[in-house]
Amino acid sequence: MKKNVDPRLTEDVDQILKEIGLRIKSQRKQIANNYEDFARTHCFNKVTLSRIESGENSSLKSIIILARKVGIQIEDLFKGIQ
């Protein structure tokens, strides 16, 4: 049986994913303006990269790997997010 999730909680998590995506995208653009070029050069799946930067639901593992590839420390990735 699936539990009902408070829609406010889901919206809040969606906003957090969007913020993380924007932080990663901003840093990635300093390395390569084109996400496909970045993905190819850094051996990262371009679809996964696009999803993370768009704030779509992605695995925490993929987010951490990508953050490291763009040079963001994990504590900075989540800094100020409540």
N, C-alpha and C. Protein backbone atom coordinates (compact mmCIF):
# COMPACT_ATOMS: atom_id res chain seq x y z
N MET A 1 0.83 -1.17 0.00
CA MET A 1 0.00 0.00 0.00
C MET A 1 0.89 1.25 0.00
N LYS A 2 0.64 2.14 -0.94
CA LYS A 2 1.43 3.35 -1.08
C LYS A 2 0.91 4.44 -0.14
N LYS A 3 1.82 5.08 0.58
CA LYS A 3 1.43 6.16 1.48
C LYS A 3 1.29 7.45 0.68
N ASN A 4 0.35 8.28 1.10
CA ASN A 4 0.19 9.59 0.48
C ASN A 4 1.28 10.51 0.99
N VAL A 5 1.87 11.26 0.09
CA VAL A 5 2.92 12.20 0.45
C VAL A 5 2.34 13.61 0.39
N ASP A 6 2.65 14.39 1.39
CA ASP A 6 2.20 15.77 1.43
C ASP A 6 2.73 16.50 0.19
N PRO A 7 1.85 17.07 -0.64
CA PRO A 7 2.29 17.74 -1.87
C PRO A 7 3.26 18.89 -1.62
N ARG A 8 3.16 19.52 -0.46
CA ARG A 8 4.11 20.61 -0.13
C ARG A 8 5.52 20.07 0.00
N LEU A 9 5.66 18.87 0.54
CA LEU A 9 6.97 18.24 0.68
C LEU A 9 7.55 17.95 -0.70
N THR A 10 6.73 17.44 -1.59
CA THR A 10 7.18 17.14 -2.95
C THR A 10 7.61 18.41 -3.67
N GLU A 11 6.83 19.49 -3.53
CA GLU A 11 7.19 20.76 -4.15
C GLU A 11 8.51 21.28 -3.60
N ASP A 12 8.71 21.14 -2.30
CA ASP A 12 9.94 21.59 -1.66
C ASP A 12 11.14 20.81 -2.20
N VAL A 13 11.00 19.51 -2.33
CA VAL A 13 12.08 18.68 -2.85
C VAL A 13 12.36 19.04 -4.31
N ASP A 14 11.31 19.30 -5.08
CA ASP A 14 11.49 19.71 -6.48
C ASP A 14 12.29 21.01 -6.56
N GLN A 15 12.01 21.94 -5.67
CA GLN A 15 12.75 23.21 -5.64
C GLN A 15 14.22 22.99 -5.29
N ILE A 16 14.48 22.08 -4.38
CA ILE A 16 15.86 21.76 -4.00
C ILE A 16 16.60 21.17 -5.18
N LEU A 17 15.96 20.24 -5.89
CA LEU A 17 16.60 19.64 -7.07
C LEU A 17 16.87 20.69 -8.14
N LYS A 18 15.97 21.65 -8.31
CA LYS A 18 16.18 22.72 -9.29
C LYS A 18 17.37 23.59 -8.89
N GLU A 19 17.47 23.90 -7.61
CA GLU A 19 18.59 24.72 -7.12
C GLU A 19 19.91 24.00 -7.32
N ILE A 20 19.95 22.72 -7.00
CA ILE A 20 21.17 21.93 -7.20
C ILE A 20 21.52 21.90 -8.68
N GLY A 21 20.52 21.70 -9.52
CA GLY A 21 20.74 21.68 -10.96
C GLY A 21 21.31 22.99 -11.47
N LEU A 22 20.79 24.10 -10.97
CA LEU A 22 21.29 25.41 -11.38
C LEU A 22 22.73 25.62 -10.94
N ARG A 23 23.07 25.17 -9.75
CA ARG A 23 24.44 25.30 -9.26
C ARG A 23 25.41 24.50 -10.14
N ILE A 24 25.00 23.29 -10.47
CA ILE A 24 25.85 22.45 -11.31
C ILE A 24 25.97 23.04 -12.70
N LYS A 25 24.85 23.49 -13.26
CA LYS A 25 24.86 24.06 -14.61
C LYS A 25 25.75 25.29 -14.68
N SER A 26 25.65 26.15 -13.69
CA SER A 26 26.47 27.36 -13.66
C SER A 26 27.96 27.02 -13.66
N GLN A 27 28.33 26.06 -12.84
CA GLN A 27 29.74 25.65 -12.77
C GLN A 27 30.16 24.95 -14.06
N ARG A 28 29.30 24.10 -14.61
CA ARG A 28 29.62 23.39 -15.84
C ARG A 28 29.83 24.35 -17.00
N LYS A 29 29.05 25.43 -17.06
CA LYS A 29 29.18 26.40 -18.15
C LYS A 29 30.53 27.12 -18.11
N GLN A 30 31.16 27.17 -16.96
CA GLN A 30 32.50 27.75 -16.87
C GLN A 30 33.53 26.83 -17.49
N ILE A 31 33.19 25.55 -17.56
CA ILE A 31 34.10 24.55 -18.13
C ILE A 31 33.80 24.35 -19.61
N ALA A 32 32.52 24.21 -19.95
CA ALA A 32 32.09 24.00 -21.33
C ALA A 32 30.68 24.55 -21.48
N ASN A 33 30.49 25.46 -22.41
CA ASN A 33 29.18 26.07 -22.59
C ASN A 33 28.15 25.05 -23.09
N ASN A 34 28.58 24.10 -23.90
CA ASN A 34 27.69 23.11 -24.46
C ASN A 34 27.68 21.86 -23.59
N TYR A 35 26.51 21.47 -23.10
CA TYR A 35 26.44 20.33 -22.19
C TYR A 35 26.83 19.02 -22.87
N GLU A 36 26.56 18.91 -24.18
CA GLU A 36 26.92 17.68 -24.89
C GLU A 36 28.45 17.55 -24.99
N ASP A 37 29.13 18.67 -25.25
CA ASP A 37 30.60 18.64 -25.29
C ASP A 37 31.17 18.27 -23.92
N PHE A 38 30.59 18.85 -22.88
CA PHE A 38 31.05 18.53 -21.52
C PHE A 38 30.86 17.05 -21.24
N ALA A 39 29.68 16.54 -21.55
CA ALA A 39 29.38 15.12 -21.28
C ALA A 39 30.36 14.21 -22.02
N ARG A 40 30.62 14.51 -23.27
CA ARG A 40 31.53 13.68 -24.06
C ARG A 40 32.95 13.74 -23.49
N THR A 41 33.41 14.95 -23.21
CA THR A 41 34.77 15.14 -22.72
C THR A 41 34.98 14.52 -21.34
N HIS A 42 33.95 14.55 -20.50
CA HIS A 42 34.08 14.08 -19.12
C HIS A 42 33.43 12.72 -18.88
N CYS A 43 33.12 12.01 -19.96
CA CYS A 43 32.57 10.65 -19.86
C CYS A 43 31.36 10.60 -18.93
N PHE A 44 30.41 11.46 -19.20
CA PHE A 44 29.18 11.51 -18.41
C PHE A 44 28.01 11.45 -19.37
N ASN A 45 26.99 10.70 -19.03
CA ASN A 45 25.83 10.55 -19.89
C ASN A 45 25.14 11.89 -20.09
N LYS A 46 24.97 12.29 -21.36
CA LYS A 46 24.40 13.62 -21.64
C LYS A 46 22.94 13.73 -21.21
N VAL A 47 22.18 12.65 -21.28
CA VAL A 47 20.78 12.69 -20.84
C VAL A 47 20.72 12.89 -19.32
N THR A 48 21.57 12.18 -18.60
CA THR A 48 21.61 12.33 -17.15
C THR A 48 22.04 13.74 -16.79
N LEU A 49 23.03 14.27 -17.48
CA LEU A 49 23.49 15.64 -17.24
C LEU A 49 22.35 16.63 -17.45
N SER A 50 21.65 16.49 -18.55
CA SER A 50 20.52 17.38 -18.85
C SER A 50 19.44 17.28 -17.79
N ARG A 51 19.14 16.09 -17.34
CA ARG A 51 18.11 15.90 -16.31
C ARG A 51 18.51 16.54 -14.99
N ILE A 52 19.75 16.36 -14.60
CA ILE A 52 20.22 16.95 -13.34
C ILE A 52 20.17 18.47 -13.43
N GLU A 53 20.67 19.02 -14.52
CA GLU A 53 20.68 20.48 -14.67
C GLU A 53 19.27 21.06 -14.74
N SER A 54 18.31 20.26 -15.18
CA SER A 54 16.91 20.71 -15.27
C SER A 54 16.16 20.53 -13.95
N GLY A 55 16.80 19.90 -12.99
CA GLY A 55 16.17 19.69 -11.69
C GLY A 55 15.25 18.48 -11.66
N GLU A 56 15.41 17.60 -12.64
CA GLU A 56 14.59 16.39 -12.65
C GLU A 56 15.15 15.40 -11.64
N ASN A 57 14.30 14.48 -11.23
CA ASN A 57 14.69 13.48 -10.25
C ASN A 57 15.85 12.63 -10.79
N SER A 58 16.94 12.61 -10.08
CA SER A 58 18.13 11.84 -10.46
C SER A 58 18.69 11.17 -9.23
N SER A 59 19.50 10.16 -9.45
CA SER A 59 20.08 9.49 -8.29
C SER A 59 21.08 10.41 -7.61
N LEU A 60 21.16 10.28 -6.31
CA LEU A 60 22.12 11.07 -5.55
C LEU A 60 23.54 10.73 -6.00
N LYS A 61 23.77 9.48 -6.35
CA LYS A 61 25.08 9.06 -6.83
C LYS A 61 25.47 9.85 -8.08
N SER A 62 24.56 9.97 -9.04
CA SER A 62 24.85 10.71 -10.27
C SER A 62 25.10 12.18 -9.98
N ILE A 63 24.32 12.75 -9.07
CA ILE A 63 24.49 14.16 -8.71
C ILE A 63 25.86 14.39 -8.08
N ILE A 64 26.27 13.51 -7.20
CA ILE A 64 27.57 13.65 -6.54
C ILE A 64 28.71 13.49 -7.55
N ILE A 65 28.62 12.52 -8.42
CA ILE A 65 29.66 12.32 -9.44
C ILE A 65 29.76 13.56 -10.32
N LEU A 66 28.63 14.07 -10.77
CA LEU A 66 28.64 15.26 -11.63
C LEU A 66 29.19 16.47 -10.89
N ALA A 67 28.80 16.65 -9.65
CA ALA A 67 29.32 17.77 -8.86
C ALA A 67 30.83 17.72 -8.79
N ARG A 68 31.36 16.55 -8.58
CA ARG A 68 32.82 16.40 -8.52
C ARG A 68 33.46 16.71 -9.87
N LYS A 69 32.82 16.29 -10.96
CA LYS A 69 33.37 16.53 -12.30
C LYS A 69 33.41 18.02 -12.64
N VAL A 70 32.44 18.79 -12.11
CA VAL A 70 32.46 20.23 -12.37
C VAL A 70 33.21 21.01 -11.29
N GLY A 71 33.70 20.31 -10.28
CA GLY A 71 34.53 20.94 -9.26
C GLY A 71 33.78 21.55 -8.09
N ILE A 72 32.58 21.07 -7.83
CA ILE A 72 31.82 21.57 -6.68
C ILE A 72 32.01 20.61 -5.51
N GLN A 73 32.41 21.15 -4.38
CA GLN A 73 32.51 20.37 -3.17
C GLN A 73 31.09 20.00 -2.71
N ILE A 74 30.93 18.81 -2.18
CA ILE A 74 29.60 18.35 -1.77
C ILE A 74 28.96 19.30 -0.77
N GLU A 75 29.72 19.80 0.19
CA GLU A 75 29.14 20.71 1.17
C GLU A 75 28.69 22.01 0.51
N ASP A 76 29.36 22.44 -0.55
CA ASP A 76 28.95 23.65 -1.26
C ASP A 76 27.70 23.40 -2.11
N LEU A 77 27.56 22.19 -2.61
CA LEU A 77 26.41 21.84 -3.42
C LEU A 77 25.11 22.01 -2.64
N PHE A 78 25.15 21.66 -1.36
CA PHE A 78 23.96 21.71 -0.50
C PHE A 78 23.94 22.91 0.44
N LYS A 79 24.93 23.78 0.38
CA LYS A 79 25.04 24.91 1.29
C LYS A 79 23.81 25.82 1.20
N GLY A 80 23.23 26.10 2.34
CA GLY A 80 22.10 27.02 2.40
C GLY A 80 20.76 26.40 2.05
N ILE A 81 20.75 25.14 1.69
CA ILE A 81 19.50 24.46 1.35
C ILE A 81 18.92 23.86 2.62
N GLN A 82 17.67 24.17 2.87
CA GLN A 82 16.99 23.67 4.08
C GLN A 82 16.01 22.60 3.72
